[in-house]
């Protein structure tokens, strides 16, 4: 049996998230599995590197699936491109060893959060960025972000819906770039909790608006209390940027 690794790019605007739902076929996983099952005539199940929530996008989601098909990678990729919806594209396929698991073998993930920072919103970026009309102080955002780098208990930065036993996570880096009214926040870590990157992004937005100080961010970590952190930033600005192995 072959084990095939895929890299997927998608616009999550109209989907209920990555993970397949029993009562709804509007998921990324569901759409891809449906096409693969028709192609292979096998009960295919893909394993994603992680879930993305409703409305979240991806530049580099990674998944793998096992199959007995003898079709070439080129033919599989062509078939997927032809039959998947236009807002889901498999950008790369490769054969991997049988034991490869897209989630368990991932060493780190990079998420990107995009903000359009201008008085008026951009109608062409409305579905893919969060609009902040007031000018953000990027230097203050960078200072605040330094407090979040490293291994911490991120209880204040996780949604109450999370069922994880431990909220300890290691953030390797946070990089913030600004270009042509667009601010991009890149967060790399060994793993993320439910809504963690969106809450971090909401906190950094508040820092840029001078609503939160560096000391406030320190207090958020120490308090281990979701109610003291900032609001969860909208899903539409979030992208799974890259998975590293």
C-alpha atoms as a PDB file:
ATOM      1  CA  UNK A   1       0.000   0.000   0.000  1.00  0.00           C
ATOM      2  CA  UNK A   2       1.312   3.456  -0.927  1.00  0.00           C
ATOM      3  CA  UNK A   3       1.452   6.374   1.492  1.00  0.00           C
ATOM      4  CA  UNK A   4       1.090   9.705  -0.307  1.00  0.00           C
ATOM      5  CA  UNK A   5       1.794  13.094   1.221  1.00  0.00           C
ATOM      6  CA  UNK A   6      -0.057  16.111  -0.163  1.00  0.00           C
ATOM      7  CA  UNK A   7       0.347  19.848   0.264  1.00  0.00           C
ATOM      8  CA  UNK A   8      -2.914  21.761   0.016  1.00  0.00           C
ATOM      9  CA  UNK A   9      -3.774  25.421  -0.541  1.00  0.00           C
ATOM     10  CA  UNK A  10      -7.334  26.563   0.121  1.00  0.00           C
ATOM     11  CA  UNK A  11      -9.680  29.472   0.614  1.00  0.00           C
ATOM     12  CA  UNK A  12     -11.635  28.525   3.716  1.00  0.00           C
ATOM     13  CA  UNK A  13     -14.275  31.251   3.367  1.00  0.00           C
ATOM     14  CA  UNK A  14     -17.201  28.982   2.545  1.00  0.00           C
ATOM     15  CA  UNK A  15     -16.151  25.866   4.448  1.00  0.00           C
ATOM     16  CA  UNK A  16     -16.934  24.583   7.937  1.00  0.00           C
ATOM     17  CA  UNK A  17     -13.240  23.973   8.569  1.00  0.00           C
ATOM     18  CA  UNK A  18     -10.750  21.307   7.544  1.00  0.00           C
ATOM     19  CA  UNK A  19     -12.049  18.336   9.516  1.00  0.00           C
ATOM     20  CA  UNK A  20     -14.783  16.180   8.000  1.00  0.00           C
ATOM     21  CA  UNK A  21     -18.187  16.474   9.720  1.00  0.00           C
ATOM     22  CA  UNK A  22     -20.756  13.692   9.693  1.00  0.00           C
ATOM     23  CA  UNK A  23     -23.688  16.035   9.129  1.00  0.00           C
ATOM     24  CA  UNK A  24     -22.062  18.431   6.655  1.00  0.00           C
ATOM     25  CA  UNK A  25     -20.003  17.842   3.509  1.00  0.00           C
ATOM     26  CA  UNK A  26     -18.713  21.430   3.335  1.00  0.00           C
ATOM     27  CA  UNK A  27     -15.268  20.681   4.748  1.00  0.00           C
ATOM     28  CA  UNK A  28     -11.845  20.585   3.095  1.00  0.00           C
ATOM     29  CA  UNK A  29     -11.185  17.010   4.198  1.00  0.00           C
ATOM     30  CA  UNK A  30     -14.607  15.877   3.020  1.00  0.00           C
ATOM     31  CA  UNK A  31     -14.201  17.403  -0.440  1.00  0.00           C
ATOM     32  CA  UNK A  32     -10.746  15.867  -0.996  1.00  0.00           C
ATOM     33  CA  UNK A  33     -11.751  12.437   0.285  1.00  0.00           C
ATOM     34  CA  UNK A  34     -14.816  12.414  -1.956  1.00  0.00           C
ATOM     35  CA  UNK A  35     -12.681  13.019  -5.061  1.00  0.00           C
ATOM     36  CA  UNK A  36     -10.035  10.459  -4.045  1.00  0.00           C
ATOM     37  CA  UNK A  37     -12.689   7.812  -3.391  1.00  0.00           C
ATOM     38  CA  UNK A  38     -14.164   8.297  -6.856  1.00  0.00           C
ATOM     39  CA  UNK A  39     -10.710   8.141  -8.418  1.00  0.00           C
ATOM     40  CA  UNK A  40      -9.435   5.055  -6.557  1.00  0.00           C
ATOM     41  CA  UNK A  41     -12.750   3.296  -5.818  1.00  0.00           C
ATOM     42  CA  UNK A  42     -11.345   2.769  -2.312  1.00  0.00           C
ATOM     43  CA  UNK A  43     -12.489   4.000   1.140  1.00  0.00           C
ATOM     44  CA  UNK A  44      -9.858   6.748   1.359  1.00  0.00           C
ATOM     45  CA  UNK A  45      -9.304   8.718   4.562  1.00  0.00           C
ATOM     46  CA  UNK A  46      -6.822  11.591   4.621  1.00  0.00           C
ATOM     47  CA  UNK A  47      -4.936  12.578   7.772  1.00  0.00           C
ATOM     48  CA  UNK A  48      -4.282  16.303   8.136  1.00  0.00           C
ATOM     49  CA  UNK A  49      -1.386  17.919   9.983  1.00  0.00           C
ATOM     50  CA  UNK A  50      -4.016  19.711  12.054  1.00  0.00           C
ATOM     51  CA  UNK A  51      -7.466  21.240  11.930  1.00  0.00           C
ATOM     52  CA  UNK A  52      -8.252  24.683  10.650  1.00  0.00           C
ATOM     53  CA  UNK A  53     -11.518  26.202  11.815  1.00  0.00           C
ATOM     54  CA  UNK A  54     -14.433  27.544   9.813  1.00  0.00           C
ATOM     55  CA  UNK A  55     -13.318  30.438   7.610  1.00  0.00           C
ATOM     56  CA  UNK A  56      -9.569  29.845   8.091  1.00  0.00           C
ATOM     57  CA  UNK A  57      -7.367  29.538   4.996  1.00  0.00           C
ATOM     58  CA  UNK A  58      -4.168  27.633   4.164  1.00  0.00           C
ATOM     59  CA  UNK A  59      -1.125  28.183   1.999  1.00  0.00           C
ATOM     60  CA  UNK A  60       0.523  24.937   3.074  1.00  0.00           C
ATOM     61  CA  UNK A  61      -1.737  22.454   4.837  1.00  0.00           C
ATOM     62  CA  UNK A  62      -0.217  18.960   4.754  1.00  0.00           C
ATOM     63  CA  UNK A  63      -2.084  15.647   4.730  1.00  0.00           C
ATOM     64  CA  UNK A  64      -1.383  12.037   3.821  1.00  0.00           C
ATOM     65  CA  UNK A  65      -3.457   9.096   2.664  1.00  0.00           C
ATOM     66  CA  UNK A  66      -2.903   5.417   1.922  1.00  0.00           C
ATOM     67  CA  UNK A  67      -4.027   3.769  -1.291  1.00  0.00           C
ATOM     68  CA  UNK A  68      -3.526   0.739  -3.519  1.00  0.00           C
ATOM     69  CA  UNK A  69      -3.969   2.721  -6.726  1.00  0.00           C
ATOM     70  CA  UNK A  70      -1.293   2.323  -9.388  1.00  0.00           C
ATOM     71  CA  UNK A  71      -1.952   5.749 -10.888  1.00  0.00           C
ATOM     72  CA  UNK A  72       1.103   7.998 -11.113  1.00  0.00           C
ATOM     73  CA  UNK A  73       1.450  11.013  -8.845  1.00  0.00           C
ATOM     74  CA  UNK A  74       1.068  13.234 -11.904  1.00  0.00           C
ATOM     75  CA  UNK A  75      -2.244  11.606 -12.833  1.00  0.00           C
ATOM     76  CA  UNK A  76      -3.523  11.789  -9.251  1.00  0.00           C
ATOM     77  CA  UNK A  77      -2.626  15.467  -9.052  1.00  0.00           C
ATOM     78  CA  UNK A  78      -4.278  16.183 -12.420  1.00  0.00           C
ATOM     79  CA  UNK A  79      -7.439  14.344 -11.349  1.00  0.00           C
ATOM     80  CA  UNK A  80      -7.613  16.283  -8.072  1.00  0.00           C
ATOM     81  CA  UNK A  81      -7.123  19.583  -9.889  1.00  0.00           C
ATOM     82  CA  UNK A  82      -9.892  18.761 -12.344  1.00  0.00           C
ATOM     83  CA  UNK A  83     -12.521  17.590  -9.856  1.00  0.00           C
ATOM     84  CA  UNK A  84     -11.890  19.576  -6.663  1.00  0.00           C
ATOM     85  CA  UNK A  85     -13.692  22.918  -6.220  1.00  0.00           C
ATOM     86  CA  UNK A  86     -11.679  25.888  -7.481  1.00  0.00           C
ATOM     87  CA  UNK A  87     -11.000  27.119  -3.934  1.00  0.00           C
ATOM     88  CA  UNK A  88      -9.054  23.938  -3.041  1.00  0.00           C
ATOM     89  CA  UNK A  89      -5.801  23.126  -4.859  1.00  0.00           C
ATOM     90  CA  UNK A  90      -3.371  20.282  -4.148  1.00  0.00           C
ATOM     91  CA  UNK A  91      -0.025  21.918  -4.957  1.00  0.00           C
ATOM     92  CA  UNK A  92       2.279  18.947  -4.395  1.00  0.00           C
ATOM     93  CA  UNK A  93       2.205  15.151  -4.031  1.00  0.00           C
ATOM     94  CA  UNK A  94       5.024  12.846  -2.981  1.00  0.00           C
ATOM     95  CA  UNK A  95       5.482   9.211  -1.977  1.00  0.00           C
ATOM     96  CA  UNK A  96       6.540   8.827   1.656  1.00  0.00           C
ATOM     97  CA  UNK A  97       7.441   5.899   3.874  1.00  0.00           C
ATOM     98  CA  UNK A  98       4.612   3.799   5.261  1.00  0.00           C
ATOM     99  CA  UNK A  99       4.998   5.143   8.816  1.00  0.00           C
ATOM    100  CA  UNK A 100       4.846   8.832   7.850  1.00  0.00           C
ATOM    101  CA  UNK A 101       2.019  10.645   9.661  1.00  0.00           C
ATOM    102  CA  UNK A 102       1.330  14.244   8.730  1.00  0.00           C
ATOM    103  CA  UNK A 103       0.326  15.239  12.269  1.00  0.00           C
ATOM    104  CA  UNK A 104       2.609  13.155  14.499  1.00  0.00           C
ATOM    105  CA  UNK A 105       5.752  13.753  12.424  1.00  0.00           C
ATOM    106  CA  UNK A 106       5.348  17.542  12.214  1.00  0.00           C
ATOM    107  CA  UNK A 107       8.154  19.382  14.040  1.00  0.00           C
ATOM    108  CA  UNK A 108       6.553  22.826  13.918  1.00  0.00           C
ATOM    109  CA  UNK A 109       3.851  24.864  12.219  1.00  0.00           C
ATOM    110  CA  UNK A 110       3.837  28.435  10.991  1.00  0.00           C
ATOM    111  CA  UNK A 111       0.591  30.400  11.044  1.00  0.00           C
ATOM    112  CA  UNK A 112       0.112  33.745   9.329  1.00  0.00           C
ATOM    113  CA  UNK A 113      -2.349  36.418  10.411  1.00  0.00           C
ATOM    114  CA  UNK A 114      -3.079  39.232   7.923  1.00  0.00           C
ATOM    115  CA  UNK A 115      -4.335  42.692   8.856  1.00  0.00           C
ATOM    116  CA  UNK A 116      -5.324  45.430   6.425  1.00  0.00           C
ATOM    117  CA  UNK A 117      -4.454  48.632   8.277  1.00  0.00           C
ATOM    118  CA  UNK A 118      -6.027  51.578   6.493  1.00  0.00           C
ATOM    119  CA  UNK A 119      -8.870  54.019   7.140  1.00  0.00           C
ATOM    120  CA  UNK A 120     -10.994  52.412   4.416  1.00  0.00           C
ATOM    121  CA  UNK A 121     -11.183  48.668   3.844  1.00  0.00           C
ATOM    122  CA  UNK A 122     -10.001  47.019   0.634  1.00  0.00           C
ATOM    123  CA  UNK A 123     -13.011  45.299  -1.010  1.00  0.00           C
ATOM    124  CA  UNK A 124     -10.699  42.867  -2.797  1.00  0.00           C
ATOM    125  CA  UNK A 125      -9.029  41.761   0.444  1.00  0.00           C
ATOM    126  CA  UNK A 126     -12.133  41.809   2.616  1.00  0.00           C
ATOM    127  CA  UNK A 127     -12.460  38.003   2.831  1.00  0.00           C
ATOM    128  CA  UNK A 128      -8.759  37.423   3.444  1.00  0.00           C
ATOM    129  CA  UNK A 129      -7.660  40.097   5.928  1.00  0.00           C
ATOM    130  CA  UNK A 130      -8.945  41.679   9.109  1.00  0.00           C
ATOM    131  CA  UNK A 131      -9.552  45.389   8.615  1.00  0.00           C
ATOM    132  CA  UNK A 132      -8.287  47.731  11.338  1.00  0.00           C
ATOM    133  CA  UNK A 133      -9.039  51.378  10.511  1.00  0.00           C
ATOM    134  CA  UNK A 134      -6.909  53.003  13.234  1.00  0.00           C
ATOM    135  CA  UNK A 135      -3.176  53.138  12.630  1.00  0.00           C
ATOM    136  CA  UNK A 136      -1.356  50.314  14.404  1.00  0.00           C
ATOM    137  CA  UNK A 137       2.024  50.904  16.043  1.00  0.00           C
ATOM    138  CA  UNK A 138       4.008  47.973  14.656  1.00  0.00           C
ATOM    139  CA  UNK A 139       6.948  48.615  16.990  1.00  0.00           C
ATOM    140  CA  UNK A 140       4.678  48.226  20.018  1.00  0.00           C
ATOM    141  CA  UNK A 141       3.288  45.019  18.507  1.00  0.00           C
ATOM    142  CA  UNK A 142       6.821  43.666  18.107  1.00  0.00           C
ATOM    143  CA  UNK A 143       7.715  44.534  21.710  1.00  0.00           C
ATOM    144  CA  UNK A 144       4.586  42.833  23.011  1.00  0.00           C
ATOM    145  CA  UNK A 145       5.206  39.742  20.864  1.00  0.00           C
ATOM    146  CA  UNK A 146       8.580  39.116  22.544  1.00  0.00           C
ATOM    147  CA  UNK A 147       6.772  38.238  25.785  1.00  0.00           C
ATOM    148  CA  UNK A 148       4.967  35.360  24.057  1.00  0.00           C
ATOM    149  CA  UNK A 149       8.057  33.693  22.567  1.00  0.00           C
ATOM    150  CA  UNK A 150       9.306  30.636  24.439  1.00  0.00           C
ATOM    151  CA  UNK A 151       7.637  27.902  26.449  1.00  0.00           C
ATOM    152  CA  UNK A 152       4.656  29.141  28.443  1.00  0.00           C
ATOM    153  CA  UNK A 153       1.330  28.073  29.857  1.00  0.00           C
ATOM    154  CA  UNK A 154      -1.050  29.638  27.300  1.00  0.00           C
ATOM    155  CA  UNK A 155      -4.259  29.146  29.298  1.00  0.00           C
ATOM    156  CA  UNK A 156      -5.151  32.832  28.804  1.00  0.00           C
ATOM    157  CA  UNK A 157      -4.787  32.366  25.044  1.00  0.00           C
ATOM    158  CA  UNK A 158      -7.012  29.358  24.460  1.00  0.00           C
ATOM    159  CA  UNK A 159     -10.742  29.126  23.827  1.00  0.00           C
ATOM    160  CA  UNK A 160     -12.829  27.566  26.563  1.00  0.00           C
ATOM    161  CA  UNK A 161     -13.840  24.887  24.022  1.00  0.00           C
ATOM    162  CA  UNK A 162     -10.337  23.391  24.111  1.00  0.00           C
ATOM    163  CA  UNK A 163     -10.124  19.863  25.535  1.00  0.00           C
ATOM    164  CA  UNK A 164      -6.331  19.629  25.790  1.00  0.00           C
ATOM    165  CA  UNK A 165      -4.952  18.313  29.080  1.00  0.00           C
ATOM    166  CA  UNK A 166      -2.000  20.717  29.069  1.00  0.00           C
ATOM    167  CA  UNK A 167      -1.822  24.308  27.835  1.00  0.00           C
ATOM    168  CA  UNK A 168       1.983  24.402  27.781  1.00  0.00           C
ATOM    169  CA  UNK A 169       3.255  25.283  24.319  1.00  0.00           C
ATOM    170  CA  UNK A 170       6.550  26.503  22.859  1.00  0.00           C
ATOM    171  CA  UNK A 171       6.435  29.492  20.505  1.00  0.00           C
ATOM    172  CA  UNK A 172       9.675  29.480  18.497  1.00  0.00           C
ATOM    173  CA  UNK A 173       9.251  32.907  16.934  1.00  0.00           C
ATOM    174  CA  UNK A 174       6.838  35.718  16.107  1.00  0.00           C
ATOM    175  CA  UNK A 175       7.719  37.936  13.152  1.00  0.00           C
ATOM    176  CA  UNK A 176       5.728  41.011  12.162  1.00  0.00           C
ATOM    177  CA  UNK A 177       6.063  42.612   8.729  1.00  0.00           C
ATOM    178  CA  UNK A 178       4.411  45.709   7.285  1.00  0.00           C
ATOM    179  CA  UNK A 179       4.047  46.529   3.602  1.00  0.00           C
ATOM    180  CA  UNK A 180       1.528  48.669   1.681  1.00  0.00           C
ATOM    181  CA  UNK A 181      -0.972  48.931   4.553  1.00  0.00           C
ATOM    182  CA  UNK A 182      -0.847  45.165   5.167  1.00  0.00           C
ATOM    183  CA  UNK A 183       0.560  43.826   8.421  1.00  0.00           C
ATOM    184  CA  UNK A 184       1.523  40.158   8.537  1.00  0.00           C
ATOM    185  CA  UNK A 185       2.079  38.275  11.791  1.00  0.00           C
ATOM    186  CA  UNK A 186       3.986  34.976  11.443  1.00  0.00           C
ATOM    187  CA  UNK A 187       3.797  32.690  14.480  1.00  0.00           C
ATOM    188  CA  UNK A 188       5.877  29.496  14.573  1.00  0.00           C
ATOM    189  CA  UNK A 189       5.500  26.927  17.325  1.00  0.00           C
ATOM    190  CA  UNK A 190       5.642  23.240  18.120  1.00  0.00           C
ATOM    191  CA  UNK A 191       1.875  23.107  18.519  1.00  0.00           C
ATOM    192  CA  UNK A 192      -1.146  25.325  19.017  1.00  0.00           C
ATOM    193  CA  UNK A 193      -4.270  25.299  21.152  1.00  0.00           C
ATOM    194  CA  UNK A 194      -7.810  26.012  19.982  1.00  0.00           C
ATOM    195  CA  UNK A 195      -7.982  29.644  18.723  1.00  0.00           C
ATOM    196  CA  UNK A 196      -4.533  30.331  20.200  1.00  0.00           C
ATOM    197  CA  UNK A 197      -3.083  32.171  17.188  1.00  0.00           C
ATOM    198  CA  UNK A 198      -6.244  34.253  16.776  1.00  0.00           C
ATOM    199  CA  UNK A 199      -6.143  35.279  20.458  1.00  0.00           C
ATOM    200  CA  UNK A 200      -2.429  36.100  20.179  1.00  0.00           C
ATOM    201  CA  UNK A 201      -3.221  38.171  17.087  1.00  0.00           C
ATOM    202  CA  UNK A 202      -6.055  39.960  18.905  1.00  0.00           C
ATOM    203  CA  UNK A 203      -3.648  40.750  21.740  1.00  0.00           C
ATOM    204  CA  UNK A 204      -1.005  42.137  19.380  1.00  0.00           C
ATOM    205  CA  UNK A 205      -3.656  44.255  17.645  1.00  0.00           C
ATOM    206  CA  UNK A 206      -4.594  45.701  21.058  1.00  0.00           C
ATOM    207  CA  UNK A 207      -0.905  46.394  21.712  1.00  0.00           C
ATOM    208  CA  UNK A 208      -0.664  48.214  18.383  1.00  0.00           C
ATOM    209  CA  UNK A 209      -3.723  50.283  19.322  1.00  0.00           C
ATOM    210  CA  UNK A 210      -2.154  51.043  22.732  1.00  0.00           C
ATOM    211  CA  UNK A 211      -5.009  49.254  24.490  1.00  0.00           C
ATOM    212  CA  UNK A 212      -2.586  46.722  25.981  1.00  0.00           C
ATOM    213  CA  UNK A 213       0.982  47.255  27.208  1.00  0.00           C
ATOM    214  CA  UNK A 214       3.934  44.881  27.368  1.00  0.00           C
ATOM    215  CA  UNK A 215       3.234  44.503  31.099  1.00  0.00           C
ATOM    216  CA  UNK A 216      -0.370  43.608  30.298  1.00  0.00           C
ATOM    217  CA  UNK A 217       0.838  40.776  28.068  1.00  0.00           C
ATOM    218  CA  UNK A 218       3.111  39.526  30.864  1.00  0.00           C
ATOM    219  CA  UNK A 219       0.145  39.579  33.216  1.00  0.00           C
ATOM    220  CA  UNK A 220      -2.008  37.643  30.735  1.00  0.00           C
ATOM    221  CA  UNK A 221       0.497  34.787  30.712  1.00  0.00           C
ATOM    222  CA  UNK A 222       0.873  34.791  34.491  1.00  0.00           C
ATOM    223  CA  UNK A 223      -2.868  34.979  35.176  1.00  0.00           C
ATOM    224  CA  UNK A 224      -3.736  31.791  33.237  1.00  0.00           C
ATOM    225  CA  UNK A 225      -7.229  33.205  32.781  1.00  0.00           C
ATOM    226  CA  UNK A 226      -8.921  33.591  29.381  1.00  0.00           C
ATOM    227  CA  UNK A 227     -10.977  36.565  30.594  1.00  0.00           C
ATOM    228  CA  UNK A 228      -7.892  38.788  30.985  1.00  0.00           C
ATOM    229  CA  UNK A 229      -6.641  38.379  27.402  1.00  0.00           C
ATOM    230  CA  UNK A 230      -7.846  40.168  24.290  1.00  0.00           C
ATOM    231  CA  UNK A 231     -10.713  39.166  22.029  1.00  0.00           C
ATOM    232  CA  UNK A 232     -10.267  36.423  19.442  1.00  0.00           C
ATOM    233  CA  UNK A 233      -9.329  37.983  16.098  1.00  0.00           C
ATOM    234  CA  UNK A 234     -11.616  37.058  13.145  1.00  0.00           C
ATOM    235  CA  UNK A 235     -11.004  33.743  11.354  1.00  0.00           C
ATOM    236  CA  UNK A 236     -10.747  35.296   7.886  1.00  0.00           C
ATOM    237  CA  UNK A 237      -7.304  36.775   8.590  1.00  0.00           C
ATOM    238  CA  UNK A 238      -5.731  33.446   9.586  1.00  0.00           C
ATOM    239  CA  UNK A 239      -3.735  31.076   7.348  1.00  0.00           C
ATOM    240  CA  UNK A 240      -1.905  27.840   8.017  1.00  0.00           C
ATOM    241  CA  UNK A 241       1.260  28.995   6.267  1.00  0.00           C
ATOM    242  CA  UNK A 242       3.666  26.066   6.502  1.00  0.00           C
ATOM    243  CA  UNK A 243       4.207  22.733   8.254  1.00  0.00           C
ATOM    244  CA  UNK A 244       7.819  21.765   8.932  1.00  0.00           C
ATOM    245  CA  UNK A 245       9.069  18.170   9.167  1.00  0.00           C
END
